[in-house]
C-alpha atoms as a PDB file:
ATOM      1  CA  MET A   1      26.213  45.815  34.225  1.00  0.00           C
ATOM      2  CA  ARG A   2      29.749  46.060  33.556  1.00  0.00           C
ATOM      3  CA  ALA A   3      29.747  42.220  33.447  1.00  0.00           C
ATOM      4  CA  LEU A   4      27.255  41.591  31.293  1.00  0.00           C
ATOM      5  CA  ARG A   5      28.420  44.021  28.938  1.00  0.00           C
ATOM      6  CA  ASP A   6      31.853  42.106  29.290  1.00  0.00           C
ATOM      7  CA  ALA A   7      30.167  38.646  29.329  1.00  0.00           C
ATOM      8  CA  MET A   8      28.983  39.629  25.566  1.00  0.00           C
ATOM      9  CA  SER A   9      32.712  41.039  24.079  1.00  0.00           C
ATOM     10  CA  ASP A  10      35.251  39.188  22.061  1.00  0.00           C
ATOM     11  CA  GLU A  11      37.620  39.559  25.502  1.00  0.00           C
ATOM     12  CA  SER A  12      35.805  36.721  27.576  1.00  0.00           C
ATOM     13  CA  PRO A  13      37.761  33.478  27.443  1.00  0.00           C
ATOM     14  CA  GLY A  14      38.507  31.888  24.132  1.00  0.00           C
ATOM     15  CA  GLY A  15      37.553  35.350  22.313  1.00  0.00           C
ATOM     16  CA  LYS A  16      34.355  33.857  21.881  1.00  0.00           C
ATOM     17  CA  GLY A  17      32.214  35.740  24.450  1.00  0.00           C
ATOM     18  CA  TRP A  18      29.457  33.807  26.507  1.00  0.00           C
ATOM     19  CA  GLY A  19      26.917  33.927  24.402  1.00  0.00           C
ATOM     20  CA  MET A  20      24.411  36.225  25.970  1.00  0.00           C
ATOM     21  CA  GLU A  21      23.540  37.387  23.059  1.00  0.00           C
ATOM     22  CA  ARG A  22      20.747  34.916  23.495  1.00  0.00           C
ATOM     23  CA  PHE A  23      19.099  36.622  26.267  1.00  0.00           C
ATOM     24  CA  ILE A  24      20.215  40.580  25.561  1.00  0.00           C
ATOM     25  CA  SER A  25      21.084  42.486  22.500  1.00  0.00           C
ATOM     26  CA  ALA A  26      24.329  44.599  22.196  1.00  0.00           C
ATOM     27  CA  ARG A  27      22.604  47.537  22.139  1.00  0.00           C
ATOM     28  CA  ASP A  28      20.738  46.741  25.551  1.00  0.00           C
ATOM     29  CA  ALA A  29      24.118  45.363  27.203  1.00  0.00           C
ATOM     30  CA  ALA A  30      26.154  48.294  25.907  1.00  0.00           C
ATOM     31  CA  TRP A  31      23.171  50.768  27.099  1.00  0.00           C
ATOM     32  CA  PHE A  32      23.362  49.216  30.677  1.00  0.00           C
ATOM     33  CA  GLY A  33      27.232  49.136  30.540  1.00  0.00           C
ATOM     34  CA  TYR A  34      26.707  53.134  29.984  1.00  0.00           C
ATOM     35  CA  LEU A  35      24.108  53.526  33.034  1.00  0.00           C
ATOM     36  CA  SER A  36      26.770  51.402  35.184  1.00  0.00           C
ATOM     37  CA  ASP A  37      29.186  53.506  34.337  1.00  0.00           C
ATOM     38  CA  ALA A  38      27.693  56.742  34.682  1.00  0.00           C
ATOM     39  CA  GLU A  39      26.804  55.293  38.524  1.00  0.00           C
ATOM     40  CA  ASP A  40      30.336  54.172  39.206  1.00  0.00           C
ATOM     41  CA  PHE A  41      31.090  57.946  38.129  1.00  0.00           C
ATOM     42  CA  TYR A  42      29.102  59.879  40.344  1.00  0.00           C
ATOM     43  CA  GLU A  43      29.202  57.301  43.364  1.00  0.00           C
ATOM     44  CA  LYS A  44      32.975  56.706  43.271  1.00  0.00           C
ATOM     45  CA  GLY A  45      34.720  58.185  40.432  1.00  0.00           C
ATOM     46  CA  ALA A  46      35.509  62.162  39.662  1.00  0.00           C
ATOM     47  CA  GLY A  47      31.801  63.108  40.294  1.00  0.00           C
ATOM     48  CA  PHE A  48      31.230  66.786  40.472  1.00  0.00           C
ATOM     49  CA  ALA A  49      33.677  68.936  40.385  1.00  0.00           C
ATOM     50  CA  GLY A  50      34.507  70.467  43.085  1.00  0.00           C
ATOM     51  CA  GLY A  51      32.764  68.035  45.097  1.00  0.00           C
ATOM     52  CA  ASP A  52      34.885  65.890  47.600  1.00  0.00           C
ATOM     53  CA  ILE A  53      33.020  63.074  48.943  1.00  0.00           C
ATOM     54  CA  THR A  54      34.803  60.267  46.536  1.00  0.00           C
ATOM     55  CA  TYR A  55      38.255  62.415  47.923  1.00  0.00           C
ATOM     56  CA  ARG A  56      37.617  61.957  51.468  1.00  0.00           C
ATOM     57  CA  MET A  57      36.254  58.134  51.022  1.00  0.00           C
ATOM     58  CA  ALA A  58      40.188  57.590  49.489  1.00  0.00           C
ATOM     59  CA  ASP A  59      42.008  59.701  51.898  1.00  0.00           C
ATOM     60  CA  VAL A  60      42.481  56.988  54.346  1.00  0.00           C
ATOM     61  CA  LEU A  61      44.266  54.661  51.628  1.00  0.00           C
ATOM     62  CA  LEU A  62      46.452  57.606  50.194  1.00  0.00           C
ATOM     63  CA  ASP A  63      47.480  58.594  54.010  1.00  0.00           C
ATOM     64  CA  ASP A  64      48.638  54.891  54.445  1.00  0.00           C
ATOM     65  CA  PHE A  65      50.758  54.632  51.194  1.00  0.00           C
ATOM     66  CA  PHE A  66      52.686  58.094  52.127  1.00  0.00           C
ATOM     67  CA  GLU A  67      52.589  56.602  55.754  1.00  0.00           C
ATOM     68  CA  GLN A  68      54.327  53.181  54.261  1.00  0.00           C
ATOM     69  CA  VAL A  69      56.952  55.009  52.315  1.00  0.00           C
ATOM     70  CA  GLU A  70      57.563  57.745  55.771  1.00  0.00           C
ATOM     71  CA  ALA A  71      58.073  54.893  57.966  1.00  0.00           C
ATOM     72  CA  LYS A  72      60.639  53.376  55.600  1.00  0.00           C
ATOM     73  CA  ARG A  73      62.301  57.177  55.353  1.00  0.00           C
ATOM     74  CA  ALA A  74      62.252  57.525  59.188  1.00  0.00           C
ATOM     75  CA  ASP A  75      63.844  54.138  59.761  1.00  0.00           C
ATOM     76  CA  THR A  76      60.426  52.785  61.858  1.00  0.00           C
ATOM     77  CA  GLY A  77      58.960  50.472  59.505  1.00  0.00           C
ATOM     78  CA  ASP A  78      60.273  47.126  58.137  1.00  0.00           C
ATOM     79  CA  LEU A  79      57.720  45.908  55.880  1.00  0.00           C
ATOM     80  CA  GLY A  80      59.294  44.955  52.755  1.00  0.00           C
ATOM     81  CA  ALA A  81      55.652  44.997  50.886  1.00  0.00           C
ATOM     82  CA  GLU A  82      52.383  46.302  51.879  1.00  0.00           C
ATOM     83  CA  LEU A  83      49.515  44.194  49.727  1.00  0.00           C
ATOM     84  CA  ARG A  84      46.111  44.567  50.023  1.00  0.00           C
ATOM     85  CA  PHE A  85      43.394  42.967  47.842  1.00  0.00           C
ATOM     86  CA  THR A  86      40.068  44.216  47.139  1.00  0.00           C
ATOM     87  CA  HIS A  87      37.199  44.722  44.732  1.00  0.00           C
ATOM     88  CA  ALA A  88      37.918  46.785  41.324  1.00  0.00           C
ATOM     89  CA  GLU A  89      35.501  49.559  42.825  1.00  0.00           C
ATOM     90  CA  GLU A  90      37.210  50.444  45.697  1.00  0.00           C
ATOM     91  CA  ILE A  91      40.179  51.123  43.005  1.00  0.00           C
ATOM     92  CA  ILE A  92      37.727  53.835  41.875  1.00  0.00           C
ATOM     93  CA  PRO A  93      38.204  56.593  44.756  1.00  0.00           C
ATOM     94  CA  PRO A  94      41.882  56.600  45.060  1.00  0.00           C
ATOM     95  CA  ALA A  95      42.174  56.824  40.935  1.00  0.00           C
ATOM     96  CA  ALA A  96      40.442  59.998  41.416  1.00  0.00           C
ATOM     97  CA  LEU A  97      41.925  61.484  44.235  1.00  0.00           C
ATOM     98  CA  MET A  98      45.235  60.684  42.644  1.00  0.00           C
ATOM     99  CA  GLY A  99      44.014  62.026  39.377  1.00  0.00           C
ATOM    100  CA  LEU A 100      44.862  58.867  37.381  1.00  0.00           C
ATOM    101  CA  PRO A 101      44.268  58.382  33.911  1.00  0.00           C
ATOM    102  CA  GLY A 102      40.711  58.382  33.198  1.00  0.00           C
ATOM    103  CA  SER A 103      39.581  59.590  36.470  1.00  0.00           C
ATOM    104  CA  THR A 104      40.375  63.596  36.524  1.00  0.00           C
ATOM    105  CA  LYS A 105      37.516  65.390  34.574  1.00  0.00           C
ATOM    106  CA  GLY A 106      34.401  65.749  37.114  1.00  0.00           C
ATOM    107  CA  ALA A 107      30.773  66.742  36.074  1.00  0.00           C
ATOM    108  CA  THR A 108      29.031  69.840  36.362  1.00  0.00           C
ATOM    109  CA  ALA A 109      25.542  70.268  35.923  1.00  0.00           C
ATOM    110  CA  GLU A 110      25.921  72.148  32.862  1.00  0.00           C
ATOM    111  CA  ARG A 111      27.739  69.618  31.506  1.00  0.00           C
ATOM    112  CA  PRO A 112      26.779  66.097  33.100  1.00  0.00           C
ATOM    113  CA  TYR A 113      29.033  62.746  32.469  1.00  0.00           C
ATOM    114  CA  THR A 114      28.617  61.168  29.235  1.00  0.00           C
ATOM    115  CA  TYR A 115      30.448  59.047  26.890  1.00  0.00           C
ATOM    116  CA  ALA A 116      30.750  61.824  24.275  1.00  0.00           C
ATOM    117  CA  ASP A 117      32.599  64.349  26.501  1.00  0.00           C
ATOM    118  CA  ASN A 118      33.953  62.743  29.308  1.00  0.00           C
ATOM    119  CA  PRO A 119      36.825  59.634  28.885  1.00  0.00           C
ATOM    120  CA  TRP A 120      35.778  58.039  32.302  1.00  0.00           C
ATOM    121  CA  ARG A 121      35.233  54.278  31.833  1.00  0.00           C
ATOM    122  CA  GLY A 122      34.729  51.785  34.905  1.00  0.00           C
ATOM    123  CA  ALA A 123      36.375  49.236  32.556  1.00  0.00           C
ATOM    124  CA  SER A 124      39.405  51.427  31.950  1.00  0.00           C
ATOM    125  CA  VAL A 125      39.833  52.782  35.523  1.00  0.00           C
ATOM    126  CA  ALA A 126      38.879  49.765  37.245  1.00  0.00           C
ATOM    127  CA  PRO A 127      39.181  46.679  34.928  1.00  0.00           C
ATOM    128  CA  LEU A 128      39.019  42.959  36.963  1.00  0.00           C
ATOM    129  CA  GLY A 129      42.365  42.465  38.544  1.00  0.00           C
ATOM    130  CA  SER A 130      42.983  46.387  38.457  1.00  0.00           C
ATOM    131  CA  ASN A 131      45.943  47.760  40.918  1.00  0.00           C
ATOM    132  CA  ILE A 132      48.003  50.927  42.738  1.00  0.00           C
ATOM    133  CA  GLN A 133      51.583  49.825  43.202  1.00  0.00           C
ATOM    134  CA  TRP A 134      54.098  52.186  44.448  1.00  0.00           C
ATOM    135  CA  ASP A 135      57.634  51.161  44.363  1.00  0.00           C
ATOM    136  CA  VAL A 136      59.965  52.801  46.800  1.00  0.00           C
ATOM    137  CA  PHE A 137      63.697  53.250  45.553  1.00  0.00           C
ATOM    138  CA  ARG A 138      66.332  54.814  47.892  1.00  0.00           C
ATOM    139  CA  LYS A 139      69.720  56.365  47.360  1.00  0.00           C
ATOM    140  CA  GLY A 140      71.324  57.904  50.538  1.00  0.00           C
ATOM    141  CA  ASP A 141      68.819  60.131  52.077  1.00  0.00           C
ATOM    142  CA  THR A 142      66.968  60.311  48.810  1.00  0.00           C
ATOM    143  CA  TYR A 143      63.606  58.404  48.393  1.00  0.00           C
ATOM    144  CA  LEU A 144      62.020  58.040  44.894  1.00  0.00           C
ATOM    145  CA  VAL A 145      58.692  56.418  44.750  1.00  0.00           C
ATOM    146  CA  ARG A 146      57.512  55.096  41.138  1.00  0.00           C
ATOM    147  CA  MET A 147      53.510  54.432  40.814  1.00  0.00           C
ATOM    148  CA  LEU A 148      52.127  51.427  38.558  1.00  0.00           C
ATOM    149  CA  TYR A 149      48.423  51.790  37.688  1.00  0.00           C
ATOM    150  CA  ASN A 150      47.186  48.349  36.300  1.00  0.00           C
ATOM    151  CA  GLU A 151      50.726  47.140  35.771  1.00  0.00           C
ATOM    152  CA  LYS A 152      51.579  50.345  33.717  1.00  0.00           C
ATOM    153  CA  GLU A 153      54.435  52.996  35.064  1.00  0.00           C
ATOM    154  CA  THR A 154      52.215  55.879  35.218  1.00  0.00           C
ATOM    155  CA  ALA A 155      52.536  59.652  36.358  1.00  0.00           C
ATOM    156  CA  PHE A 156      51.388  61.064  39.568  1.00  0.00           C
ATOM    157  CA  ARG A 157      48.632  63.929  39.159  1.00  0.00           C
ATOM    158  CA  ALA A 158      49.023  66.932  37.321  1.00  0.00           C
ATOM    159  CA  GLY A 159      51.156  69.299  39.314  1.00  0.00           C
ATOM    160  CA  CYS A 160      53.441  66.916  40.451  1.00  0.00           C
ATOM    161  CA  ARG A 161      57.086  67.051  39.338  1.00  0.00           C
ATOM    162  CA  PRO A 162      59.112  63.862  38.245  1.00  0.00           C
ATOM    163  CA  ILE A 163      62.758  64.306  39.489  1.00  0.00           C
ATOM    164  CA  ALA A 164      63.224  64.474  35.289  1.00  0.00           C
ATOM    165  CA  GLU A 165      61.237  64.974  32.304  1.00  0.00           C
ATOM    166  CA  ASN A 166      59.376  62.069  30.854  1.00  0.00           C
ATOM    167  CA  SER A 167      60.715  60.496  34.280  1.00  0.00           C
ATOM    168  CA  SER A 168      58.262  58.073  36.240  1.00  0.00           C
ATOM    169  CA  TYR A 169      60.222  58.373  39.025  1.00  0.00           C
ATOM    170  CA  TYR A 170      59.341  61.083  42.107  1.00  0.00           C
ATOM    171  CA  ASP A 171      60.918  62.714  45.001  1.00  0.00           C
ATOM    172  CA  LEU A 172      59.186  61.816  48.209  1.00  0.00           C
ATOM    173  CA  ASP A 173      59.620  65.405  49.238  1.00  0.00           C
ATOM    174  CA  GLU A 174      57.955  66.453  45.845  1.00  0.00           C
ATOM    175  CA  LEU A 175      54.690  63.978  46.362  1.00  0.00           C
ATOM    176  CA  GLU A 176      54.661  65.333  49.664  1.00  0.00           C
ATOM    177  CA  ARG A 177      53.904  68.913  48.625  1.00  0.00           C
ATOM    178  CA  CYS A 178      52.123  67.853  45.516  1.00  0.00           C
ATOM    179  CA  PHE A 179      49.599  66.173  47.802  1.00  0.00           C
ATOM    180  CA  GLY A 180      49.636  68.991  50.497  1.00  0.00           C
ATOM    181  CA  ARG A 181      51.464  66.321  52.978  1.00  0.00           C
ATOM    182  CA  THR A 182      54.324  68.707  54.006  1.00  0.00           C
ATOM    183  CA  ASP A 183      52.694  69.058  57.685  1.00  0.00           C
ATOM    184  CA  ARG A 184      52.114  66.032  58.212  1.00  0.00           C
ATOM    185  CA  ALA A 185      56.042  64.254  57.023  1.00  0.00           C
ATOM    186  CA  SER A 186      57.892  63.373  59.581  1.00  0.00           C
END
């Protein structure tokens, strides 16, 4: 459905849309887009406050992010980069787990997901070509991590403290603390 909404927008090639308005009204396309966002929100996104199904799905990938950086620190990793490619929908669960922008507010039975009171939008959380990147920098025994989310420097989730106010760099030890990995760190 997101593809249908996007195909009708002026953001398609040449800014002219695909001419889909001949087949479906903009209002109906927007409704289908909303339904798609609601489905993705509950299945892959922040979902219900206090729920963890999305987080459990993404925890394997988050573990690998940490394992790669920790291997560098332990001098057991020889990779210069770890690259994975997947569909945008696979970015949604780790975005929720890491508390990335637009993925921090879960719904409740009293306040279900709506566009009116929740910032989550599939097109923002996982646009075409979405990505999460951790850059690792070493100086002596200190390892700093910077995250790029959809090509923009992005703060780690609330509760993680950067090395300085308004900095995009985080000490690896701090990230391990923030994500509860201190018992697993090497």
